[in-house]
Amino acid sequence: MAQSLSKLYVHIIFHVKNNTIKIKKEIRSELYAYFGSIIKDNESIPIIINGVDDHVHILCVMSKNIALAKLVEEIKRHSSRWIKTKGAAYSKFAWQSGYAGFSVSSSLHDKTKAYIQNQEEHHKKLSFKDEYRLFLKEYGLDYNEDYLWID
């Protein structure tokens, strides 16, 4: 083929480190917009970004020119620096080292988008740990519970 083409939807999830610093509601929309600019800077397309005080969900179309690990590294590195400029409460802010990345088929794009949009309501019923375990089970990922939450 003379041209490389791809359209890879990916659902990315990551969590704040140690649960010691929460992302306050008043900066979330600005943070998510910043995530979007980082994603665009990496030739990818943000579709929806949302979360709650301790974790974030991103649905994007990944560029064919970047690996998932590199994209997540860029998002976390730049946003961690940015959030530290938002006041003394965030001076020691950090993201956990790990992340989850799940492929999303075109047929599940709208369902995934709606799921991410409704994070506040969703987490009134389900904890992050339970949500994460459900994703791992749904995608058939083996994991060791002893190491899942260590950072």
N, C-alpha and C. Protein backbone atom coordinates (compact mmCIF):
# COMPACT_ATOMS: atom_id res chain seq x y z
N MET A 1 0.83 -1.18 0.00
CA MET A 1 0.00 0.00 0.00
C MET A 1 0.88 1.24 0.00
N ALA A 2 0.48 2.22 -0.72
CA ALA A 2 1.25 3.47 -0.81
C ALA A 2 0.93 4.44 0.32
N GLN A 3 -0.19 4.20 1.02
CA GLN A 3 -0.62 5.13 2.06
C GLN A 3 -0.98 4.34 3.32
N SER A 4 -0.61 4.88 4.48
CA SER A 4 -0.97 4.25 5.75
C SER A 4 -2.21 4.94 6.32
N LEU A 5 -3.23 4.15 6.57
CA LEU A 5 -4.48 4.68 7.09
C LEU A 5 -4.90 3.89 8.32
N SER A 6 -5.46 4.58 9.30
CA SER A 6 -5.99 3.88 10.48
C SER A 6 -7.03 4.75 11.15
N LYS A 7 -7.91 4.10 11.89
CA LYS A 7 -8.85 4.79 12.76
C LYS A 7 -9.03 3.89 13.98
N LEU A 8 -8.26 4.19 14.99
CA LEU A 8 -8.23 3.38 16.20
C LEU A 8 -8.81 4.17 17.36
N TYR A 9 -10.01 3.77 17.78
CA TYR A 9 -10.62 4.37 18.96
C TYR A 9 -10.00 3.70 20.18
N VAL A 10 -9.59 4.50 21.15
CA VAL A 10 -9.05 3.93 22.38
C VAL A 10 -9.66 4.64 23.58
N HIS A 11 -9.99 3.84 24.59
CA HIS A 11 -10.52 4.32 25.86
C HIS A 11 -9.39 4.21 26.87
N ILE A 12 -8.94 5.35 27.37
CA ILE A 12 -7.81 5.41 28.30
C ILE A 12 -8.34 5.78 29.69
N ILE A 13 -7.81 5.10 30.70
CA ILE A 13 -8.19 5.38 32.09
C ILE A 13 -6.92 5.47 32.92
N PHE A 14 -6.81 6.51 33.74
CA PHE A 14 -5.73 6.54 34.73
C PHE A 14 -6.18 7.29 35.97
N HIS A 15 -5.43 7.11 37.05
CA HIS A 15 -5.84 7.48 38.40
C HIS A 15 -4.78 8.37 39.05
N VAL A 16 -5.22 9.21 39.98
CA VAL A 16 -4.26 10.01 40.74
C VAL A 16 -3.44 9.10 41.67
N LYS A 17 -2.25 9.52 41.99
CA LYS A 17 -1.36 8.71 42.81
C LYS A 17 -1.77 8.80 44.28
N ASN A 18 -1.84 7.67 44.92
CA ASN A 18 -2.05 7.54 46.37
C ASN A 18 -3.34 8.13 46.93
N ASN A 19 -4.24 8.59 46.09
CA ASN A 19 -5.50 9.17 46.57
C ASN A 19 -5.32 10.34 47.54
N THR A 20 -4.14 10.93 47.60
CA THR A 20 -3.91 11.99 48.56
C THR A 20 -4.38 13.36 48.07
N ILE A 21 -4.34 13.57 46.77
CA ILE A 21 -4.77 14.85 46.19
C ILE A 21 -5.90 14.57 45.22
N LYS A 22 -7.01 15.22 45.44
CA LYS A 22 -8.18 15.05 44.57
C LYS A 22 -8.24 16.20 43.56
N ILE A 23 -8.80 15.90 42.40
CA ILE A 23 -8.99 16.92 41.36
C ILE A 23 -10.30 17.63 41.67
N LYS A 24 -10.21 18.88 42.04
CA LYS A 24 -11.40 19.65 42.41
C LYS A 24 -12.25 19.93 41.17
N LYS A 25 -13.55 19.95 41.40
CA LYS A 25 -14.51 20.13 40.31
C LYS A 25 -14.26 21.42 39.53
N GLU A 26 -13.85 22.47 40.23
CA GLU A 26 -13.69 23.77 39.56
C GLU A 26 -12.56 23.83 38.54
N ILE A 27 -11.63 22.86 38.56
CA ILE A 27 -10.57 22.89 37.54
C ILE A 27 -10.70 21.77 36.51
N ARG A 28 -11.66 20.89 36.69
CA ARG A 28 -11.76 19.71 35.80
C ARG A 28 -11.96 20.08 34.34
N SER A 29 -12.87 20.98 34.03
CA SER A 29 -13.11 21.29 32.61
C SER A 29 -11.87 21.91 31.97
N GLU A 30 -11.15 22.73 32.71
CA GLU A 30 -9.91 23.30 32.18
C GLU A 30 -8.84 22.21 32.00
N LEU A 31 -8.77 21.28 32.96
CA LEU A 31 -7.83 20.16 32.86
C LEU A 31 -8.16 19.30 31.64
N TYR A 32 -9.44 19.00 31.44
CA TYR A 32 -9.83 18.17 30.31
C TYR A 32 -9.54 18.86 28.98
N ALA A 33 -9.73 20.17 28.94
CA ALA A 33 -9.38 20.92 27.73
C ALA A 33 -7.88 20.85 27.48
N TYR A 34 -7.11 20.89 28.56
CA TYR A 34 -5.65 20.79 28.43
C TYR A 34 -5.26 19.41 27.91
N PHE A 35 -5.91 18.35 28.44
CA PHE A 35 -5.70 17.01 27.91
C PHE A 35 -5.94 17.00 26.40
N GLY A 36 -7.06 17.62 25.99
CA GLY A 36 -7.41 17.65 24.58
C GLY A 36 -6.33 18.29 23.73
N SER A 37 -5.72 19.37 24.23
CA SER A 37 -4.65 20.02 23.47
C SER A 37 -3.41 19.14 23.38
N ILE A 38 -3.12 18.39 24.42
CA ILE A 38 -1.97 17.47 24.40
C ILE A 38 -2.24 16.34 23.39
N ILE A 39 -3.45 15.83 23.41
CA ILE A 39 -3.82 14.76 22.47
C ILE A 39 -3.69 15.26 21.03
N LYS A 40 -4.18 16.45 20.77
CA LYS A 40 -4.07 17.04 19.43
C LYS A 40 -2.61 17.27 19.04
N ASP A 41 -1.80 17.73 20.00
CA ASP A 41 -0.37 17.95 19.73
C ASP A 41 0.33 16.65 19.33
N ASN A 42 -0.27 15.53 19.70
CA ASN A 42 0.28 14.22 19.37
C ASN A 42 -0.47 13.56 18.21
N GLU A 43 -1.04 14.41 17.35
CA GLU A 43 -1.68 13.99 16.11
C GLU A 43 -2.86 13.04 16.30
N SER A 44 -3.46 13.09 17.49
CA SER A 44 -4.62 12.26 17.79
C SER A 44 -5.83 13.16 17.95
N ILE A 45 -7.00 12.57 18.04
CA ILE A 45 -8.24 13.34 18.08
C ILE A 45 -9.00 13.03 19.37
N PRO A 46 -9.14 14.01 20.26
CA PRO A 46 -9.95 13.77 21.46
C PRO A 46 -11.43 13.74 21.11
N ILE A 47 -12.16 12.81 21.66
CA ILE A 47 -13.60 12.72 21.42
C ILE A 47 -14.35 13.18 22.66
N ILE A 48 -14.02 12.57 23.80
CA ILE A 48 -14.62 12.99 25.07
C ILE A 48 -13.63 12.69 26.19
N ILE A 49 -13.60 13.60 27.14
CA ILE A 49 -12.73 13.46 28.31
C ILE A 49 -13.57 13.83 29.52
N ASN A 50 -13.57 12.96 30.52
CA ASN A 50 -14.36 13.23 31.72
C ASN A 50 -13.81 12.36 32.85
N GLY A 51 -14.25 12.63 34.04
CA GLY A 51 -13.82 11.84 35.17
C GLY A 51 -14.46 12.35 36.44
N VAL A 52 -13.86 11.95 37.53
CA VAL A 52 -14.28 12.39 38.85
C VAL A 52 -13.03 12.85 39.59
N ASP A 53 -13.12 13.00 40.89
CA ASP A 53 -12.01 13.61 41.63
C ASP A 53 -10.74 12.77 41.69
N ASP A 54 -10.82 11.47 41.37
CA ASP A 54 -9.62 10.64 41.52
C ASP A 54 -9.16 9.92 40.25
N HIS A 55 -9.92 10.01 39.16
CA HIS A 55 -9.48 9.36 37.93
C HIS A 55 -10.13 9.99 36.70
N VAL A 56 -9.57 9.65 35.54
CA VAL A 56 -9.97 10.26 34.28
C VAL A 56 -10.22 9.18 33.23
N HIS A 57 -11.20 9.43 32.36
CA HIS A 57 -11.48 8.59 31.20
C HIS A 57 -11.32 9.47 29.96
N ILE A 58 -10.66 8.92 28.96
CA ILE A 58 -10.47 9.61 27.69
C ILE A 58 -10.87 8.66 26.57
N LEU A 59 -11.68 9.15 25.65
CA LEU A 59 -11.95 8.43 24.41
C LEU A 59 -11.36 9.28 23.30
N CYS A 60 -10.47 8.68 22.52
CA CYS A 60 -9.83 9.42 21.43
C CYS A 60 -9.56 8.50 20.25
N VAL A 61 -9.28 9.13 19.13
CA VAL A 61 -8.80 8.41 17.96
C VAL A 61 -7.29 8.58 17.98
N MET A 62 -6.58 7.48 18.08
CA MET A 62 -5.12 7.53 18.15
C MET A 62 -4.50 7.72 16.79
N SER A 63 -3.48 8.54 16.76
CA SER A 63 -2.69 8.71 15.54
C SER A 63 -1.99 7.39 15.19
N LYS A 64 -1.80 7.18 13.92
CA LYS A 64 -1.05 6.00 13.48
C LYS A 64 0.44 6.16 13.76
N ASN A 65 0.85 7.36 14.19
CA ASN A 65 2.27 7.67 14.38
C ASN A 65 2.74 7.65 15.83
N ILE A 66 1.90 7.17 16.75
CA ILE A 66 2.29 7.16 18.16
C ILE A 66 1.81 5.88 18.84
N ALA A 67 2.61 5.38 19.74
CA ALA A 67 2.21 4.22 20.54
C ALA A 67 1.34 4.68 21.71
N LEU A 68 0.47 3.81 22.16
CA LEU A 68 -0.41 4.14 23.28
C LEU A 68 0.39 4.57 24.50
N ALA A 69 1.44 3.84 24.83
CA ALA A 69 2.24 4.17 26.02
C ALA A 69 2.83 5.57 25.91
N LYS A 70 3.27 5.95 24.74
CA LYS A 70 3.85 7.28 24.54
C LYS A 70 2.78 8.36 24.66
N LEU A 71 1.60 8.13 24.08
CA LEU A 71 0.51 9.09 24.18
C LEU A 71 0.12 9.32 25.64
N VAL A 72 -0.06 8.25 26.39
CA VAL A 72 -0.44 8.37 27.80
C VAL A 72 0.67 9.07 28.58
N GLU A 73 1.92 8.72 28.31
CA GLU A 73 3.05 9.38 28.97
C GLU A 73 3.00 10.89 28.74
N GLU A 74 2.76 11.30 27.51
CA GLU A 74 2.71 12.73 27.18
C GLU A 74 1.55 13.42 27.91
N ILE A 75 0.38 12.79 27.91
CA ILE A 75 -0.79 13.36 28.59
C ILE A 75 -0.50 13.54 30.07
N LYS A 76 0.01 12.49 30.71
CA LYS A 76 0.25 12.54 32.14
C LYS A 76 1.38 13.49 32.51
N ARG A 77 2.45 13.47 31.75
CA ARG A 77 3.61 14.32 32.05
C ARG A 77 3.24 15.80 31.97
N HIS A 78 2.65 16.19 30.86
CA HIS A 78 2.31 17.61 30.67
C HIS A 78 1.20 18.06 31.63
N SER A 79 0.18 17.23 31.83
CA SER A 79 -0.92 17.64 32.70
C SER A 79 -0.50 17.69 34.16
N SER A 80 0.42 16.84 34.56
CA SER A 80 0.92 16.88 35.93
C SER A 80 1.66 18.19 36.20
N ARG A 81 2.45 18.62 35.24
CA ARG A 81 3.13 19.93 35.37
C ARG A 81 2.12 21.06 35.42
N TRP A 82 1.11 20.99 34.53
CA TRP A 82 0.10 22.03 34.45
C TRP A 82 -0.69 22.15 35.74
N ILE A 83 -1.14 21.01 36.28
CA ILE A 83 -2.02 21.06 37.46
C ILE A 83 -1.28 21.63 38.68
N LYS A 84 0.02 21.47 38.73
CA LYS A 84 0.81 22.03 39.83
C LYS A 84 0.81 23.55 39.83
N THR A 85 0.43 24.17 38.72
CA THR A 85 0.35 25.63 38.65
C THR A 85 -0.99 26.14 39.17
N LYS A 86 -1.89 25.24 39.57
CA LYS A 86 -3.23 25.62 39.98
C LYS A 86 -3.37 25.84 41.48
N GLY A 87 -2.27 26.02 42.17
CA GLY A 87 -2.34 26.35 43.59
C GLY A 87 -1.58 25.38 44.47
N ALA A 88 -1.39 25.80 45.69
CA ALA A 88 -0.61 25.03 46.66
C ALA A 88 -1.19 23.64 46.92
N ALA A 89 -2.50 23.51 46.81
CA ALA A 89 -3.15 22.21 47.05
C ALA A 89 -2.66 21.14 46.08
N TYR A 90 -2.14 21.56 44.92
CA TYR A 90 -1.69 20.63 43.90
C TYR A 90 -0.17 20.53 43.79
N SER A 91 0.55 21.11 44.72
CA SER A 91 2.02 21.17 44.60
C SER A 91 2.69 19.79 44.54
N LYS A 92 2.08 18.79 45.12
CA LYS A 92 2.65 17.44 45.12
C LYS A 92 1.83 16.47 44.26
N PHE A 93 1.03 17.01 43.37
CA PHE A 93 0.16 16.18 42.54
C PHE A 93 0.97 15.26 41.63
N ALA A 94 0.46 14.04 41.45
CA ALA A 94 1.07 13.08 40.52
C ALA A 94 0.00 12.09 40.09
N TRP A 95 0.18 11.54 38.90
CA TRP A 95 -0.65 10.45 38.41
C TRP A 95 0.03 9.13 38.78
N GLN A 96 -0.77 8.08 38.97
CA GLN A 96 -0.18 6.75 39.14
C GLN A 96 0.61 6.40 37.89
N SER A 97 1.58 5.53 38.05
CA SER A 97 2.43 5.18 36.91
C SER A 97 1.68 4.35 35.86
N GLY A 98 0.71 3.58 36.27
CA GLY A 98 0.00 2.72 35.34
C GLY A 98 -1.17 3.40 34.66
N TYR A 99 -1.77 2.69 33.74
CA TYR A 99 -2.95 3.15 33.01
C TYR A 99 -3.62 1.94 32.39
N ALA A 100 -4.82 2.15 31.89
CA ALA A 100 -5.50 1.13 31.11
C ALA A 100 -5.83 1.73 29.75
N GLY A 101 -5.71 0.94 28.73
CA GLY A 101 -6.07 1.37 27.38
C GLY A 101 -6.84 0.25 26.72
N PHE A 102 -8.05 0.55 26.28
CA PHE A 102 -8.92 -0.46 25.69
C PHE A 102 -9.35 -0.02 24.29
N SER A 103 -9.29 -0.94 23.36
CA SER A 103 -9.79 -0.64 22.02
C SER A 103 -11.31 -0.57 22.07
N VAL A 104 -11.86 0.29 21.25
CA VAL A 104 -13.30 0.47 21.18
C VAL A 104 -13.72 0.34 19.72
N SER A 105 -14.63 -0.58 19.46
CA SER A 105 -15.10 -0.76 18.08
C SER A 105 -16.01 0.41 17.69
N SER A 106 -16.11 0.64 16.40
CA SER A 106 -16.99 1.71 15.91
C SER A 106 -18.42 1.51 16.40
N SER A 107 -18.84 0.26 16.52
CA SER A 107 -20.22 -0.02 16.95
C SER A 107 -20.44 0.32 18.43
N LEU A 108 -19.37 0.41 19.22
CA LEU A 108 -19.51 0.74 20.64
C LEU A 108 -19.06 2.17 20.96
N HIS A 109 -18.74 2.93 19.93
CA HIS A 109 -18.28 4.30 20.10
C HIS A 109 -19.28 5.14 20.91
N ASP A 110 -20.55 5.14 20.51
CA ASP A 110 -21.56 5.96 21.18
C ASP A 110 -21.81 5.50 22.61
N LYS A 111 -21.83 4.19 22.83
CA LYS A 111 -22.03 3.65 24.18
C LYS A 111 -20.87 4.05 25.09
N THR A 112 -19.65 3.97 24.58
CA THR A 112 -18.48 4.35 25.37
C THR A 112 -18.50 5.85 25.66
N LYS A 113 -18.85 6.63 24.68
CA LYS A 113 -18.93 8.09 24.85
C LYS A 113 -19.95 8.43 25.95
N ALA A 114 -21.12 7.80 25.92
CA ALA A 114 -22.15 8.04 26.93
C ALA A 114 -21.66 7.62 28.32
N TYR A 115 -20.96 6.49 28.37
CA TYR A 115 -20.43 6.01 29.65
C TYR A 115 -19.46 7.03 30.25
N ILE A 116 -18.58 7.57 29.43
CA ILE A 116 -17.61 8.55 29.92
C ILE A 116 -18.31 9.84 30.31
N GLN A 117 -19.31 10.24 29.55
CA GLN A 117 -20.05 11.47 29.85
C GLN A 117 -20.73 11.40 31.22
N ASN A 118 -21.15 10.22 31.63
CA ASN A 118 -21.94 10.06 32.86
C ASN A 118 -21.12 9.57 34.06
N GLN A 119 -19.87 9.95 34.14
CA GLN A 119 -19.01 9.48 35.22
C GLN A 119 -19.51 9.84 36.62
N GLU A 120 -19.98 11.06 36.81
CA GLU A 120 -20.45 11.48 38.14
C GLU A 120 -21.57 10.56 38.63
N GLU A 121 -22.57 10.33 37.80
CA GLU A 121 -23.67 9.44 38.15
C GLU A 121 -23.22 8.01 38.34
N HIS A 122 -22.37 7.55 37.44
CA HIS A 122 -21.88 6.18 37.49
C HIS A 122 -21.17 5.88 38.81
N HIS A 123 -20.37 6.82 39.27
CA HIS A 123 -19.58 6.57 40.48
C HIS A 123 -20.34 6.83 41.78
N LYS A 124 -21.57 7.18 41.69
CA LYS A 124 -22.43 7.20 42.87
C LYS A 124 -22.80 5.76 43.25
N LYS A 125 -22.69 4.84 42.26
CA LYS A 125 -23.08 3.45 42.46
C LYS A 125 -21.91 2.48 42.52
N LEU A 126 -20.77 2.87 41.94
CA LEU A 126 -19.68 1.92 41.76
C LEU A 126 -18.34 2.61 42.05
N SER A 127 -17.49 1.97 42.84
CA SER A 127 -16.18 2.53 43.14
C SER A 127 -15.24 2.39 41.94
N PHE A 128 -14.17 3.16 41.94
CA PHE A 128 -13.20 3.06 40.86
C PHE A 128 -12.62 1.65 40.77
N LYS A 129 -12.27 1.07 41.92
CA LYS A 129 -11.67 -0.28 41.91
C LYS A 129 -12.63 -1.30 41.30
N ASP A 130 -13.89 -1.23 41.66
CA ASP A 130 -14.87 -2.16 41.10
C ASP A 130 -15.06 -1.91 39.60
N GLU A 131 -15.10 -0.64 39.21
CA GLU A 131 -15.21 -0.30 37.79
C GLU A 131 -14.03 -0.87 37.02
N TYR A 132 -12.84 -0.67 37.54
CA TYR A 132 -11.61 -1.11 36.88
C TYR A 132 -11.59 -2.63 36.72
N ARG A 133 -11.96 -3.33 37.79
CA ARG A 133 -12.01 -4.80 37.72
C ARG A 133 -13.00 -5.26 36.65
N LEU A 134 -14.14 -4.57 36.53
CA LEU A 134 -15.12 -4.93 35.51
C LEU A 134 -14.54 -4.76 34.09
N PHE A 135 -13.80 -3.67 33.86
CA PHE A 135 -13.15 -3.47 32.56
C PHE A 135 -12.16 -4.60 32.28
N LEU A 136 -11.35 -4.93 33.28
CA LEU A 136 -10.35 -5.99 33.10
C LEU A 136 -11.02 -7.31 32.76
N LYS A 137 -12.12 -7.60 33.45
CA LYS A 137 -12.85 -8.84 33.19
C LYS A 137 -13.49 -8.82 31.81
N GLU A 138 -14.13 -7.70 31.46
CA GLU A 138 -14.79 -7.58 30.16
C GLU A 138 -13.82 -7.75 29.00
N TYR A 139 -12.59 -7.27 29.17
CA TYR A 139 -11.59 -7.37 28.11
C TYR A 139 -10.72 -8.62 28.24
N GLY A 140 -11.02 -9.47 29.23
CA GLY A 140 -10.31 -10.74 29.37
C GLY A 140 -8.86 -10.59 29.76
N LEU A 141 -8.54 -9.57 30.56
CA LEU A 141 -7.16 -9.35 30.99
C LEU A 141 -6.89 -10.06 32.32
N ASP A 142 -5.84 -10.85 32.35
CA ASP A 142 -5.42 -11.48 33.59
C ASP A 142 -4.64 -10.47 34.42
N TYR A 143 -4.83 -10.49 35.72
CA TYR A 143 -4.11 -9.57 36.59
C TYR A 143 -3.98 -10.19 37.97
N ASN A 144 -3.02 -9.69 38.73
CA ASN A 144 -2.81 -10.12 40.09
C ASN A 144 -3.28 -9.00 41.00
N GLU A 145 -4.30 -9.24 41.77
CA GLU A 145 -4.88 -8.23 42.66
C GLU A 145 -3.83 -7.65 43.62
N ASP A 146 -2.84 -8.46 43.99
CA ASP A 146 -1.80 -7.99 44.92
C ASP A 146 -0.98 -6.83 44.33
N TYR A 147 -0.90 -6.77 43.00
CA TYR A 147 -0.07 -5.74 42.36
C TYR A 147 -0.88 -4.66 41.64
N LEU A 148 -2.18 -4.83 41.58
CA LEU A 148 -3.01 -3.93 40.81
C LEU A 148 -3.03 -2.52 41.37
N TRP A 149 -2.98 -2.37 42.67
CA TRP A 149 -3.16 -1.05 43.28
C TRP A 149 -1.87 -0.47 43.84
N ILE A 150 -0.75 -1.14 43.67
CA ILE A 150 0.53 -0.65 44.17
C ILE A 150 1.08 0.39 43.21
N ASP A 151 1.64 1.46 43.75
CA ASP A 151 2.30 2.45 42.90
C ASP A 151 3.55 2.97 43.58
